[in-house]
Structure formats: structure tokens, C-alpha cells
Amino acid sequence: MSIAINAALSAYRTAAQSGGSRSSSSTFLDATGAASTGLSSTPASSFMDLVKQGLSSAVNTGKSAESMEVKGLAGQADMRDVVLAVANAEQALSTVVNVRDKVMSAYQEIMKMPI
């Protein structure tokens, strides 16, 4: 019985990601020889969804701050509400920049690794 190299690599990666501990969903080979964990979403897609949600939230916070600034200039909003909205937008932007910096730092470290 021969096992496809891609299936073996996939099973190895899954074991490495779980830290060698057994979890409730075990890795097995399906009929095509591909490794499967039985999970509905992959860690990569859930991380991608998390990043998309965070960026979307930051954009919405920025838009809310802009609209509050316009209302403040028109005299339709309290100054405290305007300052709070701008502070929230600054915090969201700071978070996005920090995450970007960490991702770039991790990428640079990976690129420095010998092959």
C-alpha cells in the first residue's frame, strides 16, 4: 500500500500544529489518500476571517468618527461624543498598524531562515 507524499506531509503538519497531543478529531486518510481532520474550517480560513473582521471593524470605526466630526462641525453633536469617536478611531488605527508591524516582522524572520 502506497501513501501519497502530499497526504503524509499534510498529516505531519497537522500533528506538528497540534503539538503532538491527541485531540478529539483525529487525522485520517480518506479514499483519495488525502489527509483529513474532520473539521469544518481550517485554521487558515478562521484566521483570515478574524483579520477581515478586525479590518472591517476598524474601517467602520473610522467612518463613524468621520460622520461624528461632520456632525460636530455642524453643531449637531456634543463635543464629548466627537472626541470619543475620534479616540476610538485612533485606537483602531493603532491596533491595525501594530498587527501589520507584527506580521511584517514575522515574515522577515521566516525569510531569514535557511532552507
N, C-alpha and C. Protein backbone atom coordinates (compact mmCIF):
# COMPACT_ATOMS: atom_id res chain seq x y z
N MET A 1 0.85 -1.17 0.00
CA MET A 1 0.00 0.00 0.00
C MET A 1 0.89 1.23 0.00
N SER A 2 0.69 2.10 -0.97
CA SER A 2 1.49 3.32 -1.04
C SER A 2 0.65 4.51 -0.60
N ILE A 3 1.33 5.46 0.06
CA ILE A 3 0.67 6.67 0.54
C ILE A 3 1.23 7.84 -0.23
N ALA A 4 0.35 8.72 -0.70
CA ALA A 4 0.79 9.90 -1.44
C ALA A 4 1.62 10.79 -0.53
N ILE A 5 2.70 11.35 -1.07
CA ILE A 5 3.59 12.17 -0.27
C ILE A 5 2.87 13.40 0.28
N ASN A 6 1.95 13.98 -0.50
CA ASN A 6 1.21 15.15 -0.03
C ASN A 6 0.33 14.80 1.17
N ALA A 7 -0.25 13.62 1.16
CA ALA A 7 -1.07 13.20 2.29
C ALA A 7 -0.22 13.01 3.54
N ALA A 8 0.98 12.46 3.37
CA ALA A 8 1.87 12.26 4.50
C ALA A 8 2.34 13.60 5.05
N LEU A 9 2.68 14.54 4.16
CA LEU A 9 3.10 15.87 4.61
C LEU A 9 1.97 16.59 5.33
N SER A 10 0.77 16.45 4.82
CA SER A 10 -0.37 17.09 5.46
C SER A 10 -0.62 16.51 6.85
N ALA A 11 -0.51 15.20 6.97
CA ALA A 11 -0.69 14.57 8.28
C ALA A 11 0.41 15.00 9.24
N TYR A 12 1.64 15.13 8.75
CA TYR A 12 2.75 15.58 9.58
C TYR A 12 2.51 17.01 10.06
N ARG A 13 2.07 17.89 9.16
CA ARG A 13 1.81 19.28 9.54
C ARG A 13 0.70 19.36 10.59
N THR A 14 -0.32 18.55 10.42
CA THR A 14 -1.42 18.54 11.39
C THR A 14 -0.92 18.10 12.75
N ALA A 15 -0.09 17.07 12.77
CA ALA A 15 0.46 16.59 14.04
C ALA A 15 1.37 17.64 14.67
N ALA A 16 2.15 18.34 13.84
CA ALA A 16 3.05 19.36 14.37
C ALA A 16 2.27 20.54 14.93
N GLN A 17 1.17 20.91 14.27
CA GLN A 17 0.36 22.02 14.75
C GLN A 17 -0.33 21.70 16.05
N SER A 18 -0.70 20.45 16.25
CA SER A 18 -1.38 20.08 17.49
C SER A 18 -0.39 19.83 18.62
N GLY A 19 0.89 19.95 18.32
CA GLY A 19 1.90 19.77 19.36
C GLY A 19 2.10 18.34 19.77
N GLY A 20 1.68 17.43 18.92
CA GLY A 20 1.87 16.02 19.22
C GLY A 20 0.81 15.45 20.14
N SER A 21 -0.09 16.30 20.64
CA SER A 21 -1.13 15.79 21.54
C SER A 21 -2.32 15.33 20.72
N ARG A 22 -3.01 14.37 21.24
CA ARG A 22 -4.20 13.88 20.55
C ARG A 22 -5.38 14.77 20.89
N SER A 23 -6.18 15.04 19.91
CA SER A 23 -7.37 15.85 20.12
C SER A 23 -8.60 15.01 19.82
N SER A 24 -9.75 15.64 19.98
CA SER A 24 -11.00 14.91 19.76
C SER A 24 -11.19 14.54 18.30
N SER A 25 -10.57 15.29 17.37
CA SER A 25 -10.67 14.94 15.96
C SER A 25 -9.32 14.42 15.50
N SER A 26 -9.27 13.18 15.08
CA SER A 26 -8.02 12.61 14.66
C SER A 26 -7.85 12.75 13.15
N THR A 27 -6.59 12.69 12.70
CA THR A 27 -6.28 12.79 11.29
C THR A 27 -6.38 11.40 10.68
N PHE A 28 -6.99 11.33 9.51
CA PHE A 28 -7.10 10.06 8.82
C PHE A 28 -7.01 10.30 7.33
N LEU A 29 -6.73 9.25 6.58
CA LEU A 29 -6.67 9.35 5.13
C LEU A 29 -8.01 8.96 4.56
N ASP A 30 -8.52 9.80 3.65
CA ASP A 30 -9.79 9.46 3.03
C ASP A 30 -9.55 8.53 1.83
N ALA A 31 -10.57 8.29 1.04
CA ALA A 31 -10.48 7.34 -0.06
C ALA A 31 -9.47 7.77 -1.12
N THR A 32 -9.22 9.05 -1.26
CA THR A 32 -8.27 9.53 -2.26
C THR A 32 -6.84 9.56 -1.73
N GLY A 33 -6.65 9.27 -0.46
CA GLY A 33 -5.32 9.30 0.12
C GLY A 33 -4.96 10.65 0.71
N ALA A 34 -5.91 11.58 0.71
CA ALA A 34 -5.66 12.91 1.26
C ALA A 34 -5.93 12.91 2.76
N ALA A 35 -5.14 13.65 3.48
CA ALA A 35 -5.33 13.73 4.92
C ALA A 35 -6.53 14.60 5.23
N SER A 36 -7.28 14.20 6.22
CA SER A 36 -8.46 14.96 6.62
C SER A 36 -8.56 14.91 8.14
N THR A 37 -9.00 16.02 8.72
CA THR A 37 -9.14 16.06 10.17
C THR A 37 -10.59 15.95 10.60
N GLY A 38 -11.51 16.11 9.66
CA GLY A 38 -12.91 16.05 10.01
C GLY A 38 -13.44 17.37 10.53
N LEU A 39 -12.62 18.41 10.54
CA LEU A 39 -13.07 19.72 10.99
C LEU A 39 -13.70 20.48 9.83
N SER A 40 -14.66 21.34 10.13
CA SER A 40 -15.36 22.04 9.07
C SER A 40 -14.59 23.24 8.54
N SER A 41 -13.77 23.87 9.38
CA SER A 41 -13.00 25.02 8.90
C SER A 41 -11.53 24.82 9.23
N THR A 42 -10.69 25.32 8.35
CA THR A 42 -9.26 25.19 8.58
C THR A 42 -8.78 26.35 9.42
N PRO A 43 -7.66 26.18 10.13
CA PRO A 43 -7.14 27.29 10.93
C PRO A 43 -6.82 28.51 10.08
N ALA A 44 -6.37 28.28 8.84
CA ALA A 44 -6.02 29.42 7.98
C ALA A 44 -7.27 30.24 7.65
N SER A 45 -8.38 29.58 7.35
CA SER A 45 -9.58 30.33 6.99
C SER A 45 -10.16 31.05 8.20
N SER A 46 -10.07 30.45 9.39
CA SER A 46 -10.60 31.14 10.56
C SER A 46 -9.72 32.34 10.92
N PHE A 47 -8.41 32.24 10.73
CA PHE A 47 -7.53 33.38 10.96
C PHE A 47 -7.82 34.47 9.94
N MET A 48 -8.04 34.08 8.70
CA MET A 48 -8.35 35.05 7.66
C MET A 48 -9.67 35.75 7.98
N ASP A 49 -10.65 35.02 8.45
CA ASP A 49 -11.92 35.63 8.83
C ASP A 49 -11.74 36.60 9.99
N LEU A 50 -10.89 36.23 10.94
CA LEU A 50 -10.61 37.10 12.08
C LEU A 50 -9.96 38.41 11.62
N VAL A 51 -9.02 38.32 10.70
CA VAL A 51 -8.35 39.52 10.19
C VAL A 51 -9.33 40.38 9.41
N LYS A 52 -10.15 39.75 8.57
CA LYS A 52 -11.14 40.51 7.80
C LYS A 52 -12.12 41.23 8.73
N GLN A 53 -12.56 40.55 9.76
CA GLN A 53 -13.50 41.14 10.71
C GLN A 53 -12.85 42.31 11.44
N GLY A 54 -11.60 42.16 11.83
CA GLY A 54 -10.89 43.24 12.51
C GLY A 54 -10.70 44.46 11.63
N LEU A 55 -10.32 44.23 10.38
CA LEU A 55 -10.16 45.36 9.45
C LEU A 55 -11.49 46.03 9.15
N SER A 56 -12.51 45.23 8.98
CA SER A 56 -13.84 45.79 8.73
C SER A 56 -14.31 46.64 9.90
N SER A 57 -14.06 46.17 11.11
CA SER A 57 -14.42 46.92 12.31
C SER A 57 -13.65 48.23 12.39
N ALA A 58 -12.37 48.20 12.04
CA ALA A 58 -11.54 49.41 12.07
C ALA A 58 -12.04 50.42 11.04
N VAL A 59 -12.41 49.96 9.87
CA VAL A 59 -12.93 50.85 8.82
C VAL A 59 -14.25 51.47 9.27
N ASN A 60 -15.12 50.65 9.85
CA ASN A 60 -16.41 51.17 10.32
C ASN A 60 -16.23 52.19 11.44
N THR A 61 -15.26 51.96 12.31
CA THR A 61 -14.98 52.90 13.39
C THR A 61 -14.49 54.23 12.82
N GLY A 62 -13.64 54.17 11.80
CA GLY A 62 -13.16 55.38 11.14
C GLY A 62 -14.28 56.14 10.46
N LYS A 63 -15.16 55.42 9.80
CA LYS A 63 -16.30 56.08 9.14
C LYS A 63 -17.22 56.73 10.16
N SER A 64 -17.43 56.05 11.27
CA SER A 64 -18.27 56.60 12.33
C SER A 64 -17.65 57.88 12.90
N ALA A 65 -16.34 57.87 13.07
CA ALA A 65 -15.65 59.06 13.58
C ALA A 65 -15.77 60.22 12.59
N GLU A 66 -15.64 59.93 11.31
CA GLU A 66 -15.77 60.98 10.30
C GLU A 66 -17.16 61.60 10.32
N SER A 67 -18.18 60.75 10.41
CA SER A 67 -19.54 61.29 10.42
C SER A 67 -19.80 62.09 11.69
N MET A 68 -19.22 61.64 12.80
CA MET A 68 -19.38 62.38 14.06
C MET A 68 -18.65 63.73 13.98
N GLU A 69 -17.51 63.77 13.30
CA GLU A 69 -16.79 65.04 13.12
C GLU A 69 -17.63 66.02 12.31
N VAL A 70 -18.27 65.52 11.27
CA VAL A 70 -19.12 66.38 10.44
C VAL A 70 -20.29 66.91 11.26
N LYS A 71 -20.90 66.04 12.06
CA LYS A 71 -22.00 66.47 12.92
C LYS A 71 -21.51 67.50 13.94
N GLY A 72 -20.30 67.30 14.46
CA GLY A 72 -19.74 68.25 15.42
C GLY A 72 -19.51 69.61 14.79
N LEU A 73 -19.01 69.63 13.56
CA LEU A 73 -18.78 70.89 12.87
C LEU A 73 -20.09 71.61 12.55
N ALA A 74 -21.14 70.83 12.32
CA ALA A 74 -22.44 71.42 12.03
C ALA A 74 -23.18 71.80 13.31
N GLY A 75 -22.62 71.47 14.47
CA GLY A 75 -23.26 71.80 15.73
C GLY A 75 -24.37 70.84 16.12
N GLN A 76 -24.39 69.66 15.50
CA GLN A 76 -25.44 68.69 15.77
C GLN A 76 -25.02 67.61 16.78
N ALA A 77 -23.76 67.65 17.22
CA ALA A 77 -23.27 66.62 18.14
C ALA A 77 -22.52 67.28 19.29
N ASP A 78 -22.56 66.63 20.42
CA ASP A 78 -21.84 67.11 21.60
C ASP A 78 -20.34 66.90 21.39
N MET A 79 -19.53 67.80 21.89
CA MET A 79 -18.08 67.73 21.72
C MET A 79 -17.50 66.46 22.34
N ARG A 80 -18.07 66.00 23.46
CA ARG A 80 -17.59 64.76 24.09
C ARG A 80 -17.77 63.56 23.17
N ASP A 81 -18.90 63.52 22.47
CA ASP A 81 -19.15 62.41 21.54
C ASP A 81 -18.16 62.43 20.38
N VAL A 82 -17.85 63.62 19.90
CA VAL A 82 -16.88 63.75 18.81
C VAL A 82 -15.50 63.29 19.26
N VAL A 83 -15.08 63.74 20.42
CA VAL A 83 -13.76 63.36 20.94
C VAL A 83 -13.70 61.86 21.19
N LEU A 84 -14.76 61.28 21.72
CA LEU A 84 -14.79 59.84 21.96
C LEU A 84 -14.71 59.05 20.65
N ALA A 85 -15.44 59.50 19.64
CA ALA A 85 -15.42 58.81 18.34
C ALA A 85 -14.03 58.88 17.70
N VAL A 86 -13.40 60.04 17.79
CA VAL A 86 -12.06 60.20 17.22
C VAL A 86 -11.05 59.35 17.99
N ALA A 87 -11.17 59.30 19.31
CA ALA A 87 -10.26 58.48 20.12
C ALA A 87 -10.43 57.00 19.77
N ASN A 88 -11.65 56.56 19.57
CA ASN A 88 -11.89 55.17 19.18
C ASN A 88 -11.27 54.87 17.82
N ALA A 89 -11.39 55.81 16.88
CA ALA A 89 -10.80 55.62 15.56
C ALA A 89 -9.28 55.57 15.64
N GLU A 90 -8.69 56.42 16.48
CA GLU A 90 -7.24 56.40 16.65
C GLU A 90 -6.78 55.07 17.25
N GLN A 91 -7.53 54.56 18.20
CA GLN A 91 -7.18 53.27 18.82
C GLN A 91 -7.28 52.14 17.80
N ALA A 92 -8.32 52.15 16.97
CA ALA A 92 -8.48 51.12 15.95
C ALA A 92 -7.34 51.19 14.94
N LEU A 93 -6.97 52.39 14.51
CA LEU A 93 -5.87 52.54 13.57
C LEU A 93 -4.55 52.07 14.19
N SER A 94 -4.33 52.40 15.44
CA SER A 94 -3.12 51.96 16.14
C SER A 94 -3.05 50.44 16.20
N THR A 95 -4.17 49.80 16.47
CA THR A 95 -4.21 48.34 16.53
C THR A 95 -3.88 47.74 15.17
N VAL A 96 -4.47 48.28 14.11
CA VAL A 96 -4.21 47.78 12.76
C VAL A 96 -2.73 47.93 12.41
N VAL A 97 -2.15 49.06 12.73
CA VAL A 97 -0.73 49.29 12.44
C VAL A 97 0.15 48.33 13.23
N ASN A 98 -0.17 48.09 14.50
CA ASN A 98 0.61 47.16 15.31
C ASN A 98 0.53 45.73 14.78
N VAL A 99 -0.65 45.31 14.36
CA VAL A 99 -0.81 43.97 13.79
C VAL A 99 -0.01 43.86 12.49
N ARG A 100 -0.08 44.89 11.66
CA ARG A 100 0.68 44.89 10.41
C ARG A 100 2.18 44.78 10.69
N ASP A 101 2.65 45.54 11.67
CA ASP A 101 4.07 45.50 12.01
C ASP A 101 4.50 44.11 12.49
N LYS A 102 3.66 43.46 13.30
CA LYS A 102 3.97 42.11 13.79
C LYS A 102 3.99 41.09 12.65
N VAL A 103 3.05 41.22 11.72
CA VAL A 103 3.01 40.31 10.58
C VAL A 103 4.25 40.51 9.71
N MET A 104 4.63 41.74 9.47
CA MET A 104 5.82 42.01 8.66
C MET A 104 7.08 41.50 9.37
N SER A 105 7.15 41.67 10.67
CA SER A 105 8.29 41.18 11.43
C SER A 105 8.38 39.65 11.36
N ALA A 106 7.25 38.99 11.49
CA ALA A 106 7.23 37.52 11.40
C ALA A 106 7.64 37.07 10.00
N TYR A 107 7.15 37.75 8.99
CA TYR A 107 7.51 37.42 7.61
C TYR A 107 9.01 37.58 7.39
N GLN A 108 9.58 38.66 7.89
CA GLN A 108 11.02 38.89 7.73
C GLN A 108 11.83 37.81 8.45
N GLU A 109 11.37 37.39 9.63
CA GLU A 109 12.06 36.33 10.35
C GLU A 109 12.01 35.01 9.57
N ILE A 110 10.87 34.73 8.98
CA ILE A 110 10.74 33.50 8.18
C ILE A 110 11.66 33.55 6.97
N MET A 111 11.75 34.72 6.34
CA MET A 111 12.60 34.85 5.15
C MET A 111 14.08 34.72 5.51
N LYS A 112 14.45 35.00 6.75
CA LYS A 112 15.84 34.88 7.17
C LYS A 112 16.25 33.43 7.45
N MET A 113 15.26 32.56 7.62
CA MET A 113 15.56 31.17 7.97
C MET A 113 16.23 30.46 6.79
N PRO A 114 17.23 29.66 7.08
CA PRO A 114 17.88 28.91 5.99
C PRO A 114 16.97 27.77 5.51
N ILE A 115 17.12 27.45 4.27
CA ILE A 115 16.29 26.39 3.69
C ILE A 115 16.99 25.06 3.83
